[in-house]
């Protein structure tokens, strides 16, 4: 088990607590034993969604025990035949191995799917489960999403095969045999401030009144600090200094690692790139604090990102003076 001692441990989608058994999962015999073990757990996934049963009667809405992702019966053979690829090994917790099973080949409404529950998006389900479970689901979504997008070799175009418990795909062309590993795209996300104000922007797809921190992908040959400065200049037209790393968060939508920063503005005149953002503004600390207290349906007032995002964490740390 990995024990996190840094600031990332507070971020959502972190802290699954599994030992990923990186060395052991390369051993075919060891994996076969875990696949056959009656105590192993097999999490069901369908087209990037998790299958959940309706909450039992008497359980309040939103309670952590209200919904649980579906696990498959190890003794029932039907799902082993229905799986689109071999169960992906996730790790071990104590002596119990955890796997993810992709049932995307089953048609919508298939009786076996209906028996497991309702397909639910991760960001909907995440608010109804405990933190550790949300982290596990993010891990699964990222890993299986990579499999769906990398069925063919990027070097020669030949079909790839799954090895090492689902953590490597190997080209089946004997003249190629290129190994492909799960991809994670680094992205910087930053709250820019000048002391008592911060810059936030909004995209057209955001909900009413929603503003968030600036963000963008790291480009080849670029340091993280350079990426922060470039993205802020491109999107908001301001220069920054004192770029400080805060924490990171896996963001499997579909395959990002969000690297959080705070940065201090050197210039303050905004020049918004309207191809990237619908709007960007300076907000006072009090405006942002009041927005952090709001809940319920949008009413036209300022809203900030939900609690499962590192953007919210960056904002709250600034509000609390931890910058």
C-alpha atoms as a PDB file:
ATOM      1  CA  UNK A   1       0.000   0.000   0.000  1.00  0.00           C
ATOM      2  CA  UNK A   2       1.210   3.505  -0.869  1.00  0.00           C
ATOM      3  CA  UNK A   3       0.855   6.033   1.934  1.00  0.00           C
ATOM      4  CA  UNK A   4       0.737   9.559   0.550  1.00  0.00           C
ATOM      5  CA  UNK A   5       2.354  12.232   2.680  1.00  0.00           C
ATOM      6  CA  UNK A   6       2.053  15.167   0.292  1.00  0.00           C
ATOM      7  CA  UNK A   7      -0.704  17.635  -0.501  1.00  0.00           C
ATOM      8  CA  UNK A   8      -2.158  15.444  -3.263  1.00  0.00           C
ATOM      9  CA  UNK A   9      -3.737  13.156  -0.675  1.00  0.00           C
ATOM     10  CA  UNK A  10      -6.533  15.699  -0.192  1.00  0.00           C
ATOM     11  CA  UNK A  11      -7.504  15.713  -3.860  1.00  0.00           C
ATOM     12  CA  UNK A  12     -10.456  13.710  -5.125  1.00  0.00           C
ATOM     13  CA  UNK A  13      -9.771  10.598  -7.249  1.00  0.00           C
ATOM     14  CA  UNK A  14      -6.619   9.871  -5.232  1.00  0.00           C
ATOM     15  CA  UNK A  15      -5.990   7.341  -2.466  1.00  0.00           C
ATOM     16  CA  UNK A  16      -7.328   4.022  -3.765  1.00  0.00           C
ATOM     17  CA  UNK A  17      -4.869   2.264  -1.456  1.00  0.00           C
ATOM     18  CA  UNK A  18      -4.127  -0.721  -3.704  1.00  0.00           C
ATOM     19  CA  UNK A  19      -0.703  -2.288  -4.071  1.00  0.00           C
ATOM     20  CA  UNK A  20      -0.390  -2.397  -7.868  1.00  0.00           C
ATOM     21  CA  UNK A  21       2.025  -5.358  -7.627  1.00  0.00           C
ATOM     22  CA  UNK A  22       4.047  -4.123 -10.586  1.00  0.00           C
ATOM     23  CA  UNK A  23       6.540  -7.021 -10.477  1.00  0.00           C
ATOM     24  CA  UNK A  24       4.088  -9.805  -9.669  1.00  0.00           C
ATOM     25  CA  UNK A  25       1.612  -8.888 -12.420  1.00  0.00           C
ATOM     26  CA  UNK A  26       4.278  -9.732 -15.025  1.00  0.00           C
ATOM     27  CA  UNK A  27       4.125 -13.375 -13.931  1.00  0.00           C
ATOM     28  CA  UNK A  28       1.472 -15.300 -15.874  1.00  0.00           C
ATOM     29  CA  UNK A  29       1.134 -18.050 -13.244  1.00  0.00           C
ATOM     30  CA  UNK A  30       0.645 -15.549 -10.435  1.00  0.00           C
ATOM     31  CA  UNK A  31      -2.046 -13.718 -12.394  1.00  0.00           C
ATOM     32  CA  UNK A  32      -3.801 -16.973 -13.291  1.00  0.00           C
ATOM     33  CA  UNK A  33      -3.974 -17.910  -9.616  1.00  0.00           C
ATOM     34  CA  UNK A  34      -5.507 -14.561  -8.736  1.00  0.00           C
ATOM     35  CA  UNK A  35      -8.019 -14.800 -11.572  1.00  0.00           C
ATOM     36  CA  UNK A  36      -9.148 -18.189 -10.269  1.00  0.00           C
ATOM     37  CA  UNK A  37      -9.190 -17.278  -6.574  1.00  0.00           C
ATOM     38  CA  UNK A  38     -12.736 -17.218  -5.152  1.00  0.00           C
ATOM     39  CA  UNK A  39     -11.958 -14.164  -3.005  1.00  0.00           C
ATOM     40  CA  UNK A  40     -10.816 -12.015  -5.957  1.00  0.00           C
ATOM     41  CA  UNK A  41     -13.064  -9.084  -6.846  1.00  0.00           C
ATOM     42  CA  UNK A  42     -14.167  -8.217 -10.388  1.00  0.00           C
ATOM     43  CA  UNK A  43     -15.560  -4.740 -11.005  1.00  0.00           C
ATOM     44  CA  UNK A  44     -18.007  -4.475 -13.921  1.00  0.00           C
ATOM     45  CA  UNK A  45     -17.624  -1.657 -16.471  1.00  0.00           C
ATOM     46  CA  UNK A  46     -19.732  -0.943 -19.556  1.00  0.00           C
ATOM     47  CA  UNK A  47     -18.684   1.581 -22.217  1.00  0.00           C
ATOM     48  CA  UNK A  48     -16.813   3.725 -19.733  1.00  0.00           C
ATOM     49  CA  UNK A  49     -19.643   3.679 -17.200  1.00  0.00           C
ATOM     50  CA  UNK A  50     -20.076   1.797 -13.943  1.00  0.00           C
ATOM     51  CA  UNK A  51     -23.086  -0.366 -13.164  1.00  0.00           C
ATOM     52  CA  UNK A  52     -24.825   0.504  -9.929  1.00  0.00           C
ATOM     53  CA  UNK A  53     -27.928  -0.858  -8.250  1.00  0.00           C
ATOM     54  CA  UNK A  54     -30.704   1.369  -6.994  1.00  0.00           C
ATOM     55  CA  UNK A  55     -30.284   2.367  -3.330  1.00  0.00           C
ATOM     56  CA  UNK A  56     -32.108   0.144  -0.874  1.00  0.00           C
ATOM     57  CA  UNK A  57     -35.290   1.501   0.637  1.00  0.00           C
ATOM     58  CA  UNK A  58     -34.767   3.676   3.680  1.00  0.00           C
ATOM     59  CA  UNK A  59     -31.292   4.896   2.689  1.00  0.00           C
ATOM     60  CA  UNK A  60     -31.160   8.708   2.388  1.00  0.00           C
ATOM     61  CA  UNK A  61     -30.232  10.171  -0.984  1.00  0.00           C
ATOM     62  CA  UNK A  62     -26.530  10.983  -1.155  1.00  0.00           C
ATOM     63  CA  UNK A  63     -25.540   8.632   1.658  1.00  0.00           C
ATOM     64  CA  UNK A  64     -22.225   6.886   1.001  1.00  0.00           C
ATOM     65  CA  UNK A  65     -23.896   3.495   1.323  1.00  0.00           C
ATOM     66  CA  UNK A  66     -26.734   4.412  -1.047  1.00  0.00           C
ATOM     67  CA  UNK A  67     -25.066   3.075  -4.201  1.00  0.00           C
ATOM     68  CA  UNK A  68     -22.264   0.639  -4.861  1.00  0.00           C
ATOM     69  CA  UNK A  69     -20.588  -0.268  -8.156  1.00  0.00           C
ATOM     70  CA  UNK A  70     -21.399  -3.779  -9.308  1.00  0.00           C
ATOM     71  CA  UNK A  71     -18.958  -6.613  -8.705  1.00  0.00           C
ATOM     72  CA  UNK A  72     -19.277  -9.851 -10.644  1.00  0.00           C
ATOM     73  CA  UNK A  73     -19.679 -13.296  -9.121  1.00  0.00           C
ATOM     74  CA  UNK A  74     -16.319 -15.092  -9.551  1.00  0.00           C
ATOM     75  CA  UNK A  75     -18.127 -18.428  -9.700  1.00  0.00           C
ATOM     76  CA  UNK A  76     -20.452 -17.428 -12.567  1.00  0.00           C
ATOM     77  CA  UNK A  77     -18.892 -18.030 -16.000  1.00  0.00           C
ATOM     78  CA  UNK A  78     -21.117 -15.842 -18.198  1.00  0.00           C
ATOM     79  CA  UNK A  79     -19.156 -12.608 -17.815  1.00  0.00           C
ATOM     80  CA  UNK A  80     -15.820 -14.249 -18.629  1.00  0.00           C
ATOM     81  CA  UNK A  81     -17.209 -15.094 -22.051  1.00  0.00           C
ATOM     82  CA  UNK A  82     -18.870 -11.680 -22.489  1.00  0.00           C
ATOM     83  CA  UNK A  83     -15.782  -9.607 -21.587  1.00  0.00           C
ATOM     84  CA  UNK A  84     -14.229  -7.724 -24.497  1.00  0.00           C
ATOM     85  CA  UNK A  85     -10.714  -8.384 -23.150  1.00  0.00           C
ATOM     86  CA  UNK A  86      -9.097 -10.280 -20.313  1.00  0.00           C
ATOM     87  CA  UNK A  87      -9.848  -8.839 -16.865  1.00  0.00           C
ATOM     88  CA  UNK A  88      -7.484  -5.947 -16.160  1.00  0.00           C
ATOM     89  CA  UNK A  89      -5.497  -6.401 -12.970  1.00  0.00           C
ATOM     90  CA  UNK A  90      -5.732  -3.376 -10.681  1.00  0.00           C
ATOM     91  CA  UNK A  91      -3.805  -4.450  -7.604  1.00  0.00           C
ATOM     92  CA  UNK A  92      -4.115  -6.230  -4.296  1.00  0.00           C
ATOM     93  CA  UNK A  93      -5.496  -5.143  -0.971  1.00  0.00           C
ATOM     94  CA  UNK A  94      -4.180  -7.523   1.637  1.00  0.00           C
ATOM     95  CA  UNK A  95      -4.587 -10.937   0.007  1.00  0.00           C
ATOM     96  CA  UNK A  96      -7.482  -9.890  -2.228  1.00  0.00           C
ATOM     97  CA  UNK A  97      -6.804  -9.145  -5.893  1.00  0.00           C
ATOM     98  CA  UNK A  98      -8.939  -6.596  -7.736  1.00  0.00           C
ATOM     99  CA  UNK A  99      -9.734  -6.693 -11.459  1.00  0.00           C
ATOM    100  CA  UNK A 100     -11.842  -4.642 -13.874  1.00  0.00           C
ATOM    101  CA  UNK A 101     -14.008  -6.398 -16.465  1.00  0.00           C
ATOM    102  CA  UNK A 102     -15.072  -4.575 -19.624  1.00  0.00           C
ATOM    103  CA  UNK A 103     -18.548  -5.675 -20.734  1.00  0.00           C
ATOM    104  CA  UNK A 104     -18.853  -3.080 -23.509  1.00  0.00           C
ATOM    105  CA  UNK A 105     -19.627  -5.764 -26.078  1.00  0.00           C
ATOM    106  CA  UNK A 106     -23.052  -6.339 -24.548  1.00  0.00           C
ATOM    107  CA  UNK A 107     -25.876  -4.384 -26.154  1.00  0.00           C
ATOM    108  CA  UNK A 108     -27.668  -1.709 -24.163  1.00  0.00           C
ATOM    109  CA  UNK A 109     -30.525  -3.260 -22.233  1.00  0.00           C
ATOM    110  CA  UNK A 110     -29.006  -6.755 -22.267  1.00  0.00           C
ATOM    111  CA  UNK A 111     -30.577  -8.831 -19.458  1.00  0.00           C
ATOM    112  CA  UNK A 112     -27.212  -9.491 -17.833  1.00  0.00           C
ATOM    113  CA  UNK A 113     -26.506  -5.767 -17.712  1.00  0.00           C
ATOM    114  CA  UNK A 114     -29.929  -4.991 -16.326  1.00  0.00           C
ATOM    115  CA  UNK A 115     -29.292  -7.532 -13.613  1.00  0.00           C
ATOM    116  CA  UNK A 116     -26.172  -5.651 -12.516  1.00  0.00           C
ATOM    117  CA  UNK A 117     -27.629  -2.159 -12.369  1.00  0.00           C
ATOM    118  CA  UNK A 118     -27.821   1.156 -14.182  1.00  0.00           C
ATOM    119  CA  UNK A 119     -24.828   2.431 -16.215  1.00  0.00           C
ATOM    120  CA  UNK A 120     -23.621   5.595 -14.471  1.00  0.00           C
ATOM    121  CA  UNK A 121     -20.930   8.126 -15.369  1.00  0.00           C
ATOM    122  CA  UNK A 122     -18.015   8.416 -12.957  1.00  0.00           C
ATOM    123  CA  UNK A 123     -18.544  12.098 -12.134  1.00  0.00           C
ATOM    124  CA  UNK A 124     -22.152  11.361 -11.193  1.00  0.00           C
ATOM    125  CA  UNK A 125     -21.260   8.315  -9.139  1.00  0.00           C
ATOM    126  CA  UNK A 126     -18.229   9.908  -7.476  1.00  0.00           C
ATOM    127  CA  UNK A 127     -20.402  12.097  -5.261  1.00  0.00           C
ATOM    128  CA  UNK A 128     -22.247   9.053  -3.928  1.00  0.00           C
ATOM    129  CA  UNK A 129     -19.342   6.825  -2.896  1.00  0.00           C
ATOM    130  CA  UNK A 130     -16.459   7.139  -0.485  1.00  0.00           C
ATOM    131  CA  UNK A 131     -13.185   8.727  -1.518  1.00  0.00           C
ATOM    132  CA  UNK A 132     -11.262   5.455  -1.845  1.00  0.00           C
ATOM    133  CA  UNK A 133     -13.898   3.958  -4.139  1.00  0.00           C
ATOM    134  CA  UNK A 134     -13.951   7.080  -6.311  1.00  0.00           C
ATOM    135  CA  UNK A 135     -10.175   6.800  -6.706  1.00  0.00           C
ATOM    136  CA  UNK A 136     -10.449   3.140  -7.721  1.00  0.00           C
ATOM    137  CA  UNK A 137     -13.114   3.977 -10.301  1.00  0.00           C
ATOM    138  CA  UNK A 138     -10.952   6.746 -11.764  1.00  0.00           C
ATOM    139  CA  UNK A 139      -8.090   4.265 -12.077  1.00  0.00           C
ATOM    140  CA  UNK A 140     -10.355   1.796 -13.876  1.00  0.00           C
ATOM    141  CA  UNK A 141     -11.808   4.422 -16.214  1.00  0.00           C
ATOM    142  CA  UNK A 142      -8.383   5.591 -17.246  1.00  0.00           C
ATOM    143  CA  UNK A 143      -6.954   2.109 -17.785  1.00  0.00           C
ATOM    144  CA  UNK A 144      -9.881   0.680 -19.749  1.00  0.00           C
ATOM    145  CA  UNK A 145     -10.241   3.878 -21.760  1.00  0.00           C
ATOM    146  CA  UNK A 146      -6.631   3.474 -22.856  1.00  0.00           C
ATOM    147  CA  UNK A 147      -7.349  -0.089 -24.013  1.00  0.00           C
ATOM    148  CA  UNK A 148     -10.272   1.087 -26.118  1.00  0.00           C
ATOM    149  CA  UNK A 149      -8.116   3.656 -27.902  1.00  0.00           C
ATOM    150  CA  UNK A 150      -4.979   1.554 -28.428  1.00  0.00           C
ATOM    151  CA  UNK A 151      -6.101  -1.685 -30.011  1.00  0.00           C
ATOM    152  CA  UNK A 152      -3.687  -1.171 -32.896  1.00  0.00           C
ATOM    153  CA  UNK A 153       0.041  -0.515 -32.938  1.00  0.00           C
ATOM    154  CA  UNK A 154       0.930   3.134 -33.453  1.00  0.00           C
ATOM    155  CA  UNK A 155       4.124   2.112 -35.246  1.00  0.00           C
ATOM    156  CA  UNK A 156       2.923  -0.385 -37.865  1.00  0.00           C
ATOM    157  CA  UNK A 157      -0.873  -0.547 -37.465  1.00  0.00           C
ATOM    158  CA  UNK A 158      -1.052  -4.224 -36.495  1.00  0.00           C
ATOM    159  CA  UNK A 159      -3.447  -5.470 -33.813  1.00  0.00           C
ATOM    160  CA  UNK A 160      -1.970  -5.378 -30.295  1.00  0.00           C
ATOM    161  CA  UNK A 161      -2.378  -7.994 -27.564  1.00  0.00           C
ATOM    162  CA  UNK A 162      -2.816  -7.482 -23.838  1.00  0.00           C
ATOM    163  CA  UNK A 163      -0.025  -8.600 -21.507  1.00  0.00           C
ATOM    164  CA  UNK A 164       1.081  -7.995 -17.912  1.00  0.00           C
ATOM    165  CA  UNK A 165      -2.424  -7.997 -16.526  1.00  0.00           C
ATOM    166  CA  UNK A 166      -3.639  -5.252 -18.816  1.00  0.00           C
ATOM    167  CA  UNK A 167      -0.859  -2.742 -18.185  1.00  0.00           C
ATOM    168  CA  UNK A 168       0.951  -3.302 -21.477  1.00  0.00           C
ATOM    169  CA  UNK A 169      -0.177  -3.916 -25.056  1.00  0.00           C
ATOM    170  CA  UNK A 170       2.257  -5.604 -27.419  1.00  0.00           C
ATOM    171  CA  UNK A 171       2.228  -5.434 -31.210  1.00  0.00           C
ATOM    172  CA  UNK A 172       1.539  -8.879 -32.679  1.00  0.00           C
ATOM    173  CA  UNK A 173       3.640  -8.181 -35.767  1.00  0.00           C
ATOM    174  CA  UNK A 174       6.761 -10.362 -35.247  1.00  0.00           C
ATOM    175  CA  UNK A 175       8.877  -7.761 -37.047  1.00  0.00           C
ATOM    176  CA  UNK A 176       7.665  -4.989 -34.737  1.00  0.00           C
ATOM    177  CA  UNK A 177       6.706  -6.255 -31.253  1.00  0.00           C
ATOM    178  CA  UNK A 178       6.512  -2.675 -29.975  1.00  0.00           C
ATOM    179  CA  UNK A 179       5.340  -2.384 -26.379  1.00  0.00           C
ATOM    180  CA  UNK A 180       2.679   0.235 -25.634  1.00  0.00           C
ATOM    181  CA  UNK A 181       2.006   1.500 -22.127  1.00  0.00           C
ATOM    182  CA  UNK A 182      -1.010   3.322 -20.648  1.00  0.00           C
ATOM    183  CA  UNK A 183      -0.907   6.962 -21.664  1.00  0.00           C
ATOM    184  CA  UNK A 184      -1.284   9.911 -19.334  1.00  0.00           C
ATOM    185  CA  UNK A 185      -1.348  13.448 -20.727  1.00  0.00           C
ATOM    186  CA  UNK A 186       0.181  16.066 -18.385  1.00  0.00           C
ATOM    187  CA  UNK A 187      -1.846  19.262 -18.074  1.00  0.00           C
ATOM    188  CA  UNK A 188      -1.162  22.319 -15.934  1.00  0.00           C
ATOM    189  CA  UNK A 189      -3.992  23.999 -14.060  1.00  0.00           C
ATOM    190  CA  UNK A 190      -3.350  27.235 -12.205  1.00  0.00           C
ATOM    191  CA  UNK A 191      -4.958  29.885 -10.080  1.00  0.00           C
ATOM    192  CA  UNK A 192      -3.441  33.247 -10.985  1.00  0.00           C
ATOM    193  CA  UNK A 193      -3.728  36.002  -8.363  1.00  0.00           C
ATOM    194  CA  UNK A 194      -2.356  39.421  -7.499  1.00  0.00           C
ATOM    195  CA  UNK A 195      -2.906  39.071  -3.761  1.00  0.00           C
ATOM    196  CA  UNK A 196      -6.575  39.827  -3.052  1.00  0.00           C
ATOM    197  CA  UNK A 197      -7.899  39.057  -6.537  1.00  0.00           C
ATOM    198  CA  UNK A 198      -7.735  36.041  -8.798  1.00  0.00           C
ATOM    199  CA  UNK A 199      -8.330  35.400 -12.487  1.00  0.00           C
ATOM    200  CA  UNK A 200     -10.891  32.833 -13.568  1.00  0.00           C
ATOM    201  CA  UNK A 201     -12.304  32.039 -16.988  1.00  0.00           C
ATOM    202  CA  UNK A 202     -15.296  30.254 -18.420  1.00  0.00           C
ATOM    203  CA  UNK A 203     -15.889  28.130 -21.480  1.00  0.00           C
ATOM    204  CA  UNK A 204     -19.158  28.064 -23.372  1.00  0.00           C
ATOM    205  CA  UNK A 205     -19.867  24.526 -22.170  1.00  0.00           C
ATOM    206  CA  UNK A 206     -19.794  25.562 -18.489  1.00  0.00           C
ATOM    207  CA  UNK A 207     -23.002  25.808 -16.519  1.00  0.00           C
ATOM    208  CA  UNK A 208     -24.648  29.159 -15.826  1.00  0.00           C
ATOM    209  CA  UNK A 209     -22.394  31.451 -13.821  1.00  0.00           C
ATOM    210  CA  UNK A 210     -19.515  28.949 -13.652  1.00  0.00           C
ATOM    211  CA  UNK A 211     -15.934  30.230 -13.729  1.00  0.00           C
ATOM    212  CA  UNK A 212     -12.827  28.161 -13.143  1.00  0.00           C
ATOM    213  CA  UNK A 213      -9.049  28.285 -13.074  1.00  0.00           C
ATOM    214  CA  UNK A 214      -7.060  28.411 -16.295  1.00  0.00           C
ATOM    215  CA  UNK A 215      -5.580  25.180 -17.659  1.00  0.00           C
ATOM    216  CA  UNK A 216      -3.884  23.617 -20.651  1.00  0.00           C
ATOM    217  CA  UNK A 217      -1.755  20.726 -21.854  1.00  0.00           C
ATOM    218  CA  UNK A 218       2.023  20.660 -21.577  1.00  0.00           C
ATOM    219  CA  UNK A 219       3.735  20.793 -24.960  1.00  0.00           C
ATOM    220  CA  UNK A 220       6.864  18.840 -26.049  1.00  0.00           C
ATOM    221  CA  UNK A 221      10.131  20.314 -24.815  1.00  0.00           C
ATOM    222  CA  UNK A 222       8.386  22.470 -22.219  1.00  0.00           C
ATOM    223  CA  UNK A 223       8.809  22.595 -18.453  1.00  0.00           C
ATOM    224  CA  UNK A 224       5.736  22.743 -16.237  1.00  0.00           C
ATOM    225  CA  UNK A 225       6.546  26.315 -15.202  1.00  0.00           C
ATOM    226  CA  UNK A 226       6.911  27.332 -18.844  1.00  0.00           C
ATOM    227  CA  UNK A 227       3.577  25.700 -19.637  1.00  0.00           C
ATOM    228  CA  UNK A 228       1.886  27.689 -16.861  1.00  0.00           C
ATOM    229  CA  UNK A 229       3.284  30.987 -18.136  1.00  0.00           C
ATOM    230  CA  UNK A 230       2.452  30.209 -21.766  1.00  0.00           C
ATOM    231  CA  UNK A 231      -1.120  29.087 -21.116  1.00  0.00           C
ATOM    232  CA  UNK A 232      -1.905  32.122 -18.957  1.00  0.00           C
ATOM    233  CA  UNK A 233      -0.486  34.458 -21.593  1.00  0.00           C
ATOM    234  CA  UNK A 234      -2.353  32.703 -24.420  1.00  0.00           C
ATOM    235  CA  UNK A 235      -5.721  32.556 -22.675  1.00  0.00           C
ATOM    236  CA  UNK A 236      -5.748  35.725 -20.571  1.00  0.00           C
ATOM    237  CA  UNK A 237      -2.934  37.887 -21.948  1.00  0.00           C
ATOM    238  CA  UNK A 238      -1.149  38.440 -18.635  1.00  0.00           C
ATOM    239  CA  UNK A 239       2.363  37.676 -17.437  1.00  0.00           C
ATOM    240  CA  UNK A 240       3.010  35.662 -14.285  1.00  0.00           C
ATOM    241  CA  UNK A 241       5.855  34.981 -11.892  1.00  0.00           C
ATOM    242  CA  UNK A 242       6.369  33.024  -8.659  1.00  0.00           C
ATOM    243  CA  UNK A 243       4.910  29.836 -10.178  1.00  0.00           C
ATOM    244  CA  UNK A 244       4.499  27.384  -7.308  1.00  0.00           C
ATOM    245  CA  UNK A 245       3.457  23.734  -7.505  1.00  0.00           C
ATOM    246  CA  UNK A 246       0.547  22.823  -5.247  1.00  0.00           C
ATOM    247  CA  UNK A 247      -0.513  19.215  -5.892  1.00  0.00           C
ATOM    248  CA  UNK A 248      -1.668  16.812  -8.603  1.00  0.00           C
ATOM    249  CA  UNK A 249      -4.792  14.864  -9.475  1.00  0.00           C
ATOM    250  CA  UNK A 250      -5.543  12.047 -11.921  1.00  0.00           C
ATOM    251  CA  UNK A 251      -8.293  13.164 -14.283  1.00  0.00           C
ATOM    252  CA  UNK A 252      -9.409  10.242 -16.480  1.00  0.00           C
ATOM    253  CA  UNK A 253     -11.644  12.300 -18.783  1.00  0.00           C
ATOM    254  CA  UNK A 254     -10.143  10.715 -20.751  1.00  0.00           C
ATOM    255  CA  UNK A 255      -6.472  10.466 -19.708  1.00  0.00           C
ATOM    256  CA  UNK A 256      -5.023  13.535 -18.017  1.00  0.00           C
ATOM    257  CA  UNK A 257      -2.859  14.161 -14.990  1.00  0.00           C
ATOM    258  CA  UNK A 258      -3.678  17.620 -13.644  1.00  0.00           C
ATOM    259  CA  UNK A 259      -0.657  19.405 -12.176  1.00  0.00           C
ATOM    260  CA  UNK A 260      -1.859  22.225  -9.951  1.00  0.00           C
ATOM    261  CA  UNK A 261      -0.064  25.556  -9.481  1.00  0.00           C
ATOM    262  CA  UNK A 262      -0.516  28.992  -8.004  1.00  0.00           C
ATOM    263  CA  UNK A 263       1.064  31.928  -9.830  1.00  0.00           C
ATOM    264  CA  UNK A 264       1.294  35.655  -9.165  1.00  0.00           C
ATOM    265  CA  UNK A 265       0.315  38.100 -11.892  1.00  0.00           C
ATOM    266  CA  UNK A 266       2.889  40.642 -13.082  1.00  0.00           C
ATOM    267  CA  UNK A 267       0.461  42.410 -15.414  1.00  0.00           C
ATOM    268  CA  UNK A 268      -3.269  42.775 -14.836  1.00  0.00           C
ATOM    269  CA  UNK A 269      -4.865  43.913 -18.110  1.00  0.00           C
ATOM    270  CA  UNK A 270      -6.803  40.959 -19.521  1.00  0.00           C
ATOM    271  CA  UNK A 271      -6.672  40.115 -23.221  1.00  0.00           C
ATOM    272  CA  UNK A 272      -8.949  37.108 -23.502  1.00  0.00           C
ATOM    273  CA  UNK A 273      -8.499  34.564 -26.289  1.00  0.00           C
ATOM    274  CA  UNK A 274     -12.134  34.170 -27.313  1.00  0.00           C
ATOM    275  CA  UNK A 275     -11.352  30.986 -29.234  1.00  0.00           C
ATOM    276  CA  UNK A 276     -10.271  29.335 -25.977  1.00  0.00           C
ATOM    277  CA  UNK A 277     -12.548  31.082 -23.482  1.00  0.00           C
ATOM    278  CA  UNK A 278     -15.947  32.723 -23.556  1.00  0.00           C
ATOM    279  CA  UNK A 279     -14.851  35.149 -20.859  1.00  0.00           C
ATOM    280  CA  UNK A 280     -12.210  35.771 -18.170  1.00  0.00           C
ATOM    281  CA  UNK A 281     -12.372  38.181 -15.257  1.00  0.00           C
ATOM    282  CA  UNK A 282     -10.668  39.299 -12.082  1.00  0.00           C
ATOM    283  CA  UNK A 283     -12.655  38.349  -8.965  1.00  0.00           C
ATOM    284  CA  UNK A 284     -12.155  39.655  -5.451  1.00  0.00           C
ATOM    285  CA  UNK A 285     -11.478  37.297  -2.573  1.00  0.00           C
ATOM    286  CA  UNK A 286     -14.889  38.099  -1.088  1.00  0.00           C
ATOM    287  CA  UNK A 287     -16.706  37.362  -4.376  1.00  0.00           C
ATOM    288  CA  UNK A 288     -15.020  33.987  -4.624  1.00  0.00           C
ATOM    289  CA  UNK A 289     -15.629  33.211  -0.962  1.00  0.00           C
ATOM    290  CA  UNK A 290     -19.348  33.924  -1.332  1.00  0.00           C
ATOM    291  CA  UNK A 291     -19.446  31.692  -4.411  1.00  0.00           C
ATOM    292  CA  UNK A 292     -17.812  28.871  -2.419  1.00  0.00           C
ATOM    293  CA  UNK A 293     -20.821  28.907  -0.061  1.00  0.00           C
ATOM    294  CA  UNK A 294     -23.459  28.562  -2.787  1.00  0.00           C
ATOM    295  CA  UNK A 295     -25.270  25.350  -3.568  1.00  0.00           C
ATOM    296  CA  UNK A 296     -28.479  24.427  -5.326  1.00  0.00           C
ATOM    297  CA  UNK A 297     -29.554  25.264  -8.878  1.00  0.00           C
ATOM    298  CA  UNK A 298     -27.785  28.071 -10.800  1.00  0.00           C
ATOM    299  CA  UNK A 299     -29.318  31.508 -10.267  1.00  0.00           C
ATOM    300  CA  UNK A 300     -27.017  33.656 -12.413  1.00  0.00           C
ATOM    301  CA  UNK A 301     -24.532  34.390  -9.623  1.00  0.00           C
ATOM    302  CA  UNK A 302     -20.878  33.349  -9.668  1.00  0.00           C
ATOM    303  CA  UNK A 303     -20.271  29.607  -9.294  1.00  0.00           C
ATOM    304  CA  UNK A 304     -16.915  27.871  -8.836  1.00  0.00           C
ATOM    305  CA  UNK A 305     -15.958  24.265  -9.725  1.00  0.00           C
ATOM    306  CA  UNK A 306     -17.333  21.300  -7.753  1.00  0.00           C
ATOM    307  CA  UNK A 307     -15.430  19.600  -4.980  1.00  0.00           C
ATOM    308  CA  UNK A 308     -14.115  16.692  -7.046  1.00  0.00           C
ATOM    309  CA  UNK A 309     -11.841  18.971  -9.096  1.00  0.00           C
ATOM    310  CA  UNK A 310      -8.350  20.213  -8.281  1.00  0.00           C
ATOM    311  CA  UNK A 311      -9.535  23.626  -9.516  1.00  0.00           C
ATOM    312  CA  UNK A 312     -11.726  23.860  -6.404  1.00  0.00           C
ATOM    313  CA  UNK A 313      -8.772  22.894  -4.222  1.00  0.00           C
ATOM    314  CA  UNK A 314      -6.569  25.593  -5.761  1.00  0.00           C
ATOM    315  CA  UNK A 315      -9.271  28.175  -5.147  1.00  0.00           C
ATOM    316  CA  UNK A 316      -9.932  27.109  -1.560  1.00  0.00           C
ATOM    317  CA  UNK A 317      -6.226  27.118  -0.672  1.00  0.00           C
ATOM    318  CA  UNK A 318      -6.007  30.691  -1.968  1.00  0.00           C
ATOM    319  CA  UNK A 319      -9.089  31.696   0.025  1.00  0.00           C
ATOM    320  CA  UNK A 320      -7.550  30.203   3.153  1.00  0.00           C
ATOM    321  CA  UNK A 321      -4.279  32.088   2.626  1.00  0.00           C
ATOM    322  CA  UNK A 322      -2.213  28.961   1.876  1.00  0.00           C
ATOM    323  CA  UNK A 323      -0.533  30.561  -1.150  1.00  0.00           C
END
